Amino acid sequence: MTPAWMVCRFVVAMLFASAAGAQPNAAQMNEAEVMYLPTPHVVVEAMLRLADVSGTDVVYDLGSGDGRIPIAAARAYGARGVGIELDGRMIERARRNARAAGMERLVEFRQEDLFRANLREATVVTLFLFPDMNRRLTPKLFSELRSGTRIVSHRFGLGDRPADRTIEADGHPLLLWTVP
């Protein structure tokens, strides 16, 4: 659980940065300032169904936290999962969770900046990031991912790009795009 003071500090920093037109990058954010909000398991399941995940997919989760989405994709569908996460503590937690679930052969977790990560092998991308991060990430997604790759976002859109489909899961909006 993230202490309330850390969440407040992060939100205030983001508000000031946004008001000033600044865009913090991974080098400017220390690991404690990246807020971790886990996606509820029922929403994880709905995201994977919305993306129509199968055993032939490679599911990338950007900002993967504790690894629940790549692990669920591997366990439920036999898909290969890749988590991209900046926080080294969360990477270790995700790896422990994968071992505990018996899914370590199908999932991997990489500690790297999602804006610099190579996403080309992904056939499905999932994310639960702040709207500004989604907006900044959109050009990378649509230029780097192959045609037919599905992108599912929990709660927030991809800038001005309209979703191909929107559903709700337990009160949580989920948005789907397919790369043309």
C-alpha atoms as a PDB file:
ATOM      1  CA  MET A   1       0.000   0.000   0.000  1.00  0.00           C
ATOM      2  CA  THR A   2       1.337   3.412  -0.933  1.00  0.00           C
ATOM      3  CA  PRO A   3       1.500   5.811   2.032  1.00  0.00           C
ATOM      4  CA  ALA A   4      -0.922   8.720   1.623  1.00  0.00           C
ATOM      5  CA  TRP A   5       1.835  11.331   1.874  1.00  0.00           C
ATOM      6  CA  MET A   6       3.622   9.754  -1.124  1.00  0.00           C
ATOM      7  CA  VAL A   7       0.455   9.824  -3.202  1.00  0.00           C
ATOM      8  CA  CYS A   8      -0.186  13.456  -2.261  1.00  0.00           C
ATOM      9  CA  ARG A   9       3.431  14.377  -3.044  1.00  0.00           C
ATOM     10  CA  PHE A  10       3.190  12.706  -6.450  1.00  0.00           C
ATOM     11  CA  VAL A  11      -0.133  14.327  -7.341  1.00  0.00           C
ATOM     12  CA  VAL A  12       1.092  17.776  -6.287  1.00  0.00           C
ATOM     13  CA  ALA A  13       4.289  17.316  -8.319  1.00  0.00           C
ATOM     14  CA  MET A  14       2.265  16.250 -11.372  1.00  0.00           C
ATOM     15  CA  LEU A  15      -0.080  19.239 -11.009  1.00  0.00           C
ATOM     16  CA  PHE A  16       2.832  21.686 -10.832  1.00  0.00           C
ATOM     17  CA  ALA A  17       4.587  20.009 -13.755  1.00  0.00           C
ATOM     18  CA  SER A  18       1.409  20.016 -15.806  1.00  0.00           C
ATOM     19  CA  ALA A  19       0.677  23.671 -14.999  1.00  0.00           C
ATOM     20  CA  ALA A  20       4.197  24.612 -16.052  1.00  0.00           C
ATOM     21  CA  GLY A  21       3.935  22.547 -19.237  1.00  0.00           C
ATOM     22  CA  ALA A  22       6.771  20.307 -18.062  1.00  0.00           C
ATOM     23  CA  GLN A  23       6.838  16.601 -18.767  1.00  0.00           C
ATOM     24  CA  PRO A  24       8.715  14.633 -16.083  1.00  0.00           C
ATOM     25  CA  ASN A  25      10.701  11.715 -17.455  1.00  0.00           C
ATOM     26  CA  ALA A  26      11.809   8.485 -15.832  1.00  0.00           C
ATOM     27  CA  ALA A  27      15.157   9.976 -14.829  1.00  0.00           C
ATOM     28  CA  GLN A  28      13.386  12.784 -12.949  1.00  0.00           C
ATOM     29  CA  MET A  29      10.963  10.525 -11.074  1.00  0.00           C
ATOM     30  CA  ASN A  30      12.389   8.452  -8.293  1.00  0.00           C
ATOM     31  CA  GLU A  31      10.822   5.059  -7.742  1.00  0.00           C
ATOM     32  CA  ALA A  32       8.915   6.226  -4.655  1.00  0.00           C
ATOM     33  CA  GLU A  33       7.174   8.906  -6.735  1.00  0.00           C
ATOM     34  CA  VAL A  34       5.660   6.489  -9.259  1.00  0.00           C
ATOM     35  CA  MET A  35       2.259   5.640  -7.864  1.00  0.00           C
ATOM     36  CA  TYR A  36       1.253   1.993  -7.904  1.00  0.00           C
ATOM     37  CA  LEU A  37      -2.480   1.402  -8.248  1.00  0.00           C
ATOM     38  CA  PRO A  38      -3.191  -2.296  -8.783  1.00  0.00           C
ATOM     39  CA  THR A  39      -5.845  -3.240 -11.292  1.00  0.00           C
ATOM     40  CA  PRO A  40      -8.529  -5.347  -9.581  1.00  0.00           C
ATOM     41  CA  HIS A  41      -8.423  -8.999 -10.661  1.00  0.00           C
ATOM     42  CA  VAL A  42     -11.937  -8.879 -12.133  1.00  0.00           C
ATOM     43  CA  VAL A  43     -10.797  -5.952 -14.301  1.00  0.00           C
ATOM     44  CA  VAL A  44      -7.628  -7.805 -15.336  1.00  0.00           C
ATOM     45  CA  GLU A  45      -9.783 -10.691 -16.551  1.00  0.00           C
ATOM     46  CA  ALA A  46     -12.071  -8.310 -18.455  1.00  0.00           C
ATOM     47  CA  MET A  47      -9.081  -6.565 -20.083  1.00  0.00           C
ATOM     48  CA  LEU A  48      -7.726  -9.868 -21.350  1.00  0.00           C
ATOM     49  CA  ARG A  49     -11.155 -10.930 -22.655  1.00  0.00           C
ATOM     50  CA  LEU A  50     -11.632  -7.549 -24.360  1.00  0.00           C
ATOM     51  CA  ALA A  51      -8.270  -8.013 -26.125  1.00  0.00           C
ATOM     52  CA  ASP A  52      -9.331 -11.533 -27.121  1.00  0.00           C
ATOM     53  CA  VAL A  53      -6.048 -12.952 -25.791  1.00  0.00           C
ATOM     54  CA  SER A  54      -5.052 -16.449 -26.940  1.00  0.00           C
ATOM     55  CA  GLY A  55      -2.123 -18.794 -26.524  1.00  0.00           C
ATOM     56  CA  THR A  56      -0.406 -17.292 -29.569  1.00  0.00           C
ATOM     57  CA  ASP A  57      -0.279 -13.795 -28.085  1.00  0.00           C
ATOM     58  CA  VAL A  58       2.587 -11.896 -26.491  1.00  0.00           C
ATOM     59  CA  VAL A  59       1.006  -9.610 -23.879  1.00  0.00           C
ATOM     60  CA  TYR A  60       3.020  -6.562 -22.817  1.00  0.00           C
ATOM     61  CA  ASP A  61       1.868  -4.748 -19.693  1.00  0.00           C
ATOM     62  CA  LEU A  62       3.283  -1.233 -19.434  1.00  0.00           C
ATOM     63  CA  GLY A  63       3.726  -0.201 -15.827  1.00  0.00           C
ATOM     64  CA  SER A  64       3.249  -3.824 -14.780  1.00  0.00           C
ATOM     65  CA  GLY A  65       3.471  -3.356 -11.013  1.00  0.00           C
ATOM     66  CA  ASP A  66       3.114  -6.710  -9.262  1.00  0.00           C
ATOM     67  CA  GLY A  67       2.809  -8.571 -12.575  1.00  0.00           C
ATOM     68  CA  ARG A  68      -0.835  -9.574 -12.266  1.00  0.00           C
ATOM     69  CA  ILE A  69      -1.727  -8.959 -15.943  1.00  0.00           C
ATOM     70  CA  PRO A  70       1.130 -10.920 -17.601  1.00  0.00           C
ATOM     71  CA  ILE A  71       0.682 -13.711 -15.039  1.00  0.00           C
ATOM     72  CA  ALA A  72      -3.083 -13.860 -15.638  1.00  0.00           C
ATOM     73  CA  ALA A  73      -2.547 -13.921 -19.439  1.00  0.00           C
ATOM     74  CA  ALA A  74      -0.142 -16.846 -19.062  1.00  0.00           C
ATOM     75  CA  ARG A  75      -2.295 -18.763 -16.576  1.00  0.00           C
ATOM     76  CA  ALA A  76      -5.685 -18.295 -18.270  1.00  0.00           C
ATOM     77  CA  TYR A  77      -4.680 -18.311 -21.945  1.00  0.00           C
ATOM     78  CA  GLY A  78      -1.177 -19.761 -22.211  1.00  0.00           C
ATOM     79  CA  ALA A  79       0.013 -16.442 -23.653  1.00  0.00           C
ATOM     80  CA  ARG A  80       3.536 -15.212 -23.142  1.00  0.00           C
ATOM     81  CA  GLY A  81       3.642 -12.147 -20.881  1.00  0.00           C
ATOM     82  CA  VAL A  82       6.134  -9.329 -20.571  1.00  0.00           C
ATOM     83  CA  GLY A  83       5.933  -6.714 -17.838  1.00  0.00           C
ATOM     84  CA  ILE A  84       7.692  -3.386 -18.235  1.00  0.00           C
ATOM     85  CA  GLU A  85       8.157  -1.587 -14.923  1.00  0.00           C
ATOM     86  CA  LEU A  86      10.458   1.175 -13.676  1.00  0.00           C
ATOM     87  CA  ASP A  87      10.379   0.270  -9.969  1.00  0.00           C
ATOM     88  CA  GLY A  88      12.912  -2.452  -9.155  1.00  0.00           C
ATOM     89  CA  ARG A  89      11.032  -3.458  -6.008  1.00  0.00           C
ATOM     90  CA  MET A  90       7.907  -4.128  -8.058  1.00  0.00           C
ATOM     91  CA  ILE A  91       9.947  -6.153 -10.573  1.00  0.00           C
ATOM     92  CA  GLU A  92      11.156  -8.417  -7.769  1.00  0.00           C
ATOM     93  CA  ARG A  93       7.618  -8.718  -6.412  1.00  0.00           C
ATOM     94  CA  ALA A  94       6.295  -9.599  -9.888  1.00  0.00           C
ATOM     95  CA  ARG A  95       8.973 -12.260 -10.326  1.00  0.00           C
ATOM     96  CA  ARG A  96       8.080 -13.778  -6.946  1.00  0.00           C
ATOM     97  CA  ASN A  97       4.394 -13.749  -7.931  1.00  0.00           C
ATOM     98  CA  ALA A  98       5.192 -15.486 -11.234  1.00  0.00           C
ATOM     99  CA  ARG A  99       7.184 -18.199  -9.406  1.00  0.00           C
ATOM    100  CA  ALA A 100       4.367 -18.671  -6.875  1.00  0.00           C
ATOM    101  CA  ALA A 101       1.851 -19.026  -9.732  1.00  0.00           C
ATOM    102  CA  GLY A 102       4.111 -21.490 -11.587  1.00  0.00           C
ATOM    103  CA  MET A 103       4.173 -19.148 -14.599  1.00  0.00           C
ATOM    104  CA  GLU A 104       7.828 -18.085 -14.632  1.00  0.00           C
ATOM    105  CA  ARG A 105       8.473 -19.991 -17.875  1.00  0.00           C
ATOM    106  CA  LEU A 106       5.817 -17.915 -19.690  1.00  0.00           C
ATOM    107  CA  VAL A 107       6.416 -14.463 -18.193  1.00  0.00           C
ATOM    108  CA  GLU A 108       9.309 -12.085 -17.833  1.00  0.00           C
ATOM    109  CA  PHE A 109       9.632  -8.720 -16.145  1.00  0.00           C
ATOM    110  CA  ARG A 110      11.952  -5.992 -17.370  1.00  0.00           C
ATOM    111  CA  GLN A 111      13.021  -2.976 -15.379  1.00  0.00           C
ATOM    112  CA  GLU A 112      12.998  -0.226 -17.964  1.00  0.00           C
ATOM    113  CA  ASP A 113      11.432   3.028 -19.036  1.00  0.00           C
ATOM    114  CA  LEU A 114       8.271   2.229 -21.004  1.00  0.00           C
ATOM    115  CA  PHE A 115       8.992   5.146 -23.342  1.00  0.00           C
ATOM    116  CA  ARG A 116      12.280   3.501 -24.368  1.00  0.00           C
ATOM    117  CA  ALA A 117      11.219  -0.144 -24.277  1.00  0.00           C
ATOM    118  CA  ASN A 118      11.093  -2.096 -27.529  1.00  0.00           C
ATOM    119  CA  LEU A 119       7.444  -3.156 -27.924  1.00  0.00           C
ATOM    120  CA  ARG A 120       7.652  -4.640 -31.431  1.00  0.00           C
ATOM    121  CA  GLU A 121       7.004  -8.257 -30.459  1.00  0.00           C
ATOM    122  CA  ALA A 122       3.771  -7.414 -28.579  1.00  0.00           C
ATOM    123  CA  THR A 123       0.462  -8.571 -30.028  1.00  0.00           C
ATOM    124  CA  VAL A 124      -1.461  -7.159 -27.038  1.00  0.00           C
ATOM    125  CA  VAL A 125      -0.515  -4.151 -24.903  1.00  0.00           C
ATOM    126  CA  THR A 126      -2.241  -3.381 -21.613  1.00  0.00           C
ATOM    127  CA  LEU A 127      -1.865  -0.260 -19.527  1.00  0.00           C
ATOM    128  CA  PHE A 128      -3.225   1.595 -16.527  1.00  0.00           C
ATOM    129  CA  LEU A 129      -1.366   4.885 -16.665  1.00  0.00           C
ATOM    130  CA  PHE A 130      -2.259   8.516 -16.087  1.00  0.00           C
ATOM    131  CA  PRO A 131      -3.894  10.342 -19.031  1.00  0.00           C
ATOM    132  CA  ASP A 132      -0.808  12.458 -19.775  1.00  0.00           C
ATOM    133  CA  MET A 133       1.413   9.375 -19.925  1.00  0.00           C
ATOM    134  CA  ASN A 134      -1.073   7.674 -22.257  1.00  0.00           C
ATOM    135  CA  ARG A 135      -1.142  10.755 -24.492  1.00  0.00           C
ATOM    136  CA  ARG A 136       2.669  10.898 -24.681  1.00  0.00           C
ATOM    137  CA  LEU A 137       2.868   7.138 -25.290  1.00  0.00           C
ATOM    138  CA  THR A 138       0.282   7.075 -28.119  1.00  0.00           C
ATOM    139  CA  PRO A 139       2.658   7.966 -31.003  1.00  0.00           C
ATOM    140  CA  LYS A 140       5.088   5.236 -29.911  1.00  0.00           C
ATOM    141  CA  LEU A 141       2.321   2.639 -29.715  1.00  0.00           C
ATOM    142  CA  PHE A 142       0.888   3.370 -33.155  1.00  0.00           C
ATOM    143  CA  SER A 143       4.257   3.667 -34.880  1.00  0.00           C
ATOM    144  CA  GLU A 144       6.069   0.755 -33.222  1.00  0.00           C
ATOM    145  CA  LEU A 145       3.353  -1.886 -32.891  1.00  0.00           C
ATOM    146  CA  ARG A 146       2.403  -4.094 -35.821  1.00  0.00           C
ATOM    147  CA  SER A 147      -0.941  -3.936 -37.563  1.00  0.00           C
ATOM    148  CA  GLY A 148      -3.547  -5.948 -35.654  1.00  0.00           C
ATOM    149  CA  THR A 149      -1.969  -5.435 -32.227  1.00  0.00           C
ATOM    150  CA  ARG A 150      -4.628  -4.767 -29.608  1.00  0.00           C
ATOM    151  CA  ILE A 151      -4.181  -2.075 -26.960  1.00  0.00           C
ATOM    152  CA  VAL A 152      -6.351  -2.122 -23.832  1.00  0.00           C
ATOM    153  CA  SER A 153      -6.316   0.742 -21.363  1.00  0.00           C
ATOM    154  CA  HIS A 154      -7.867   0.660 -17.920  1.00  0.00           C
ATOM    155  CA  ARG A 155      -9.776   3.887 -17.305  1.00  0.00           C
ATOM    156  CA  PHE A 156      -7.967   6.426 -19.512  1.00  0.00           C
ATOM    157  CA  GLY A 157      -7.912   7.062 -23.255  1.00  0.00           C
ATOM    158  CA  LEU A 158      -5.023   7.603 -25.645  1.00  0.00           C
ATOM    159  CA  GLY A 159      -5.184  11.354 -26.070  1.00  0.00           C
ATOM    160  CA  ASP A 160      -7.650  12.377 -28.777  1.00  0.00           C
ATOM    161  CA  ARG A 161      -7.622   8.970 -30.472  1.00  0.00           C
ATOM    162  CA  PRO A 162     -11.116   7.442 -30.170  1.00  0.00           C
ATOM    163  CA  ALA A 163     -11.311   3.888 -28.871  1.00  0.00           C
ATOM    164  CA  ASP A 164     -12.580   1.176 -31.201  1.00  0.00           C
ATOM    165  CA  ARG A 165     -14.591  -0.256 -28.328  1.00  0.00           C
ATOM    166  CA  THR A 166     -15.346   0.710 -24.719  1.00  0.00           C
ATOM    167  CA  ILE A 167     -16.807  -1.518 -22.013  1.00  0.00           C
ATOM    168  CA  GLU A 168     -17.183  -1.434 -18.253  1.00  0.00           C
ATOM    169  CA  ALA A 169     -15.954  -4.071 -15.824  1.00  0.00           C
ATOM    170  CA  ASP A 170     -17.171  -3.765 -12.258  1.00  0.00           C
ATOM    171  CA  GLY A 171     -17.544   0.002 -12.746  1.00  0.00           C
ATOM    172  CA  HIS A 172     -14.118   0.414 -14.391  1.00  0.00           C
ATOM    173  CA  PRO A 173     -14.017   1.735 -17.973  1.00  0.00           C
ATOM    174  CA  LEU A 174     -11.879  -0.309 -20.378  1.00  0.00           C
ATOM    175  CA  LEU A 175     -10.924   0.978 -23.810  1.00  0.00           C
ATOM    176  CA  LEU A 176      -9.710  -1.048 -26.805  1.00  0.00           C
ATOM    177  CA  TRP A 177      -7.812   0.025 -29.918  1.00  0.00           C
ATOM    178  CA  THR A 178      -6.519  -2.157 -32.740  1.00  0.00           C
ATOM    179  CA  VAL A 179      -3.446  -0.866 -34.542  1.00  0.00           C
ATOM    180  CA  PRO A 180      -4.379  -0.363 -38.215  1.00  0.00           C
END
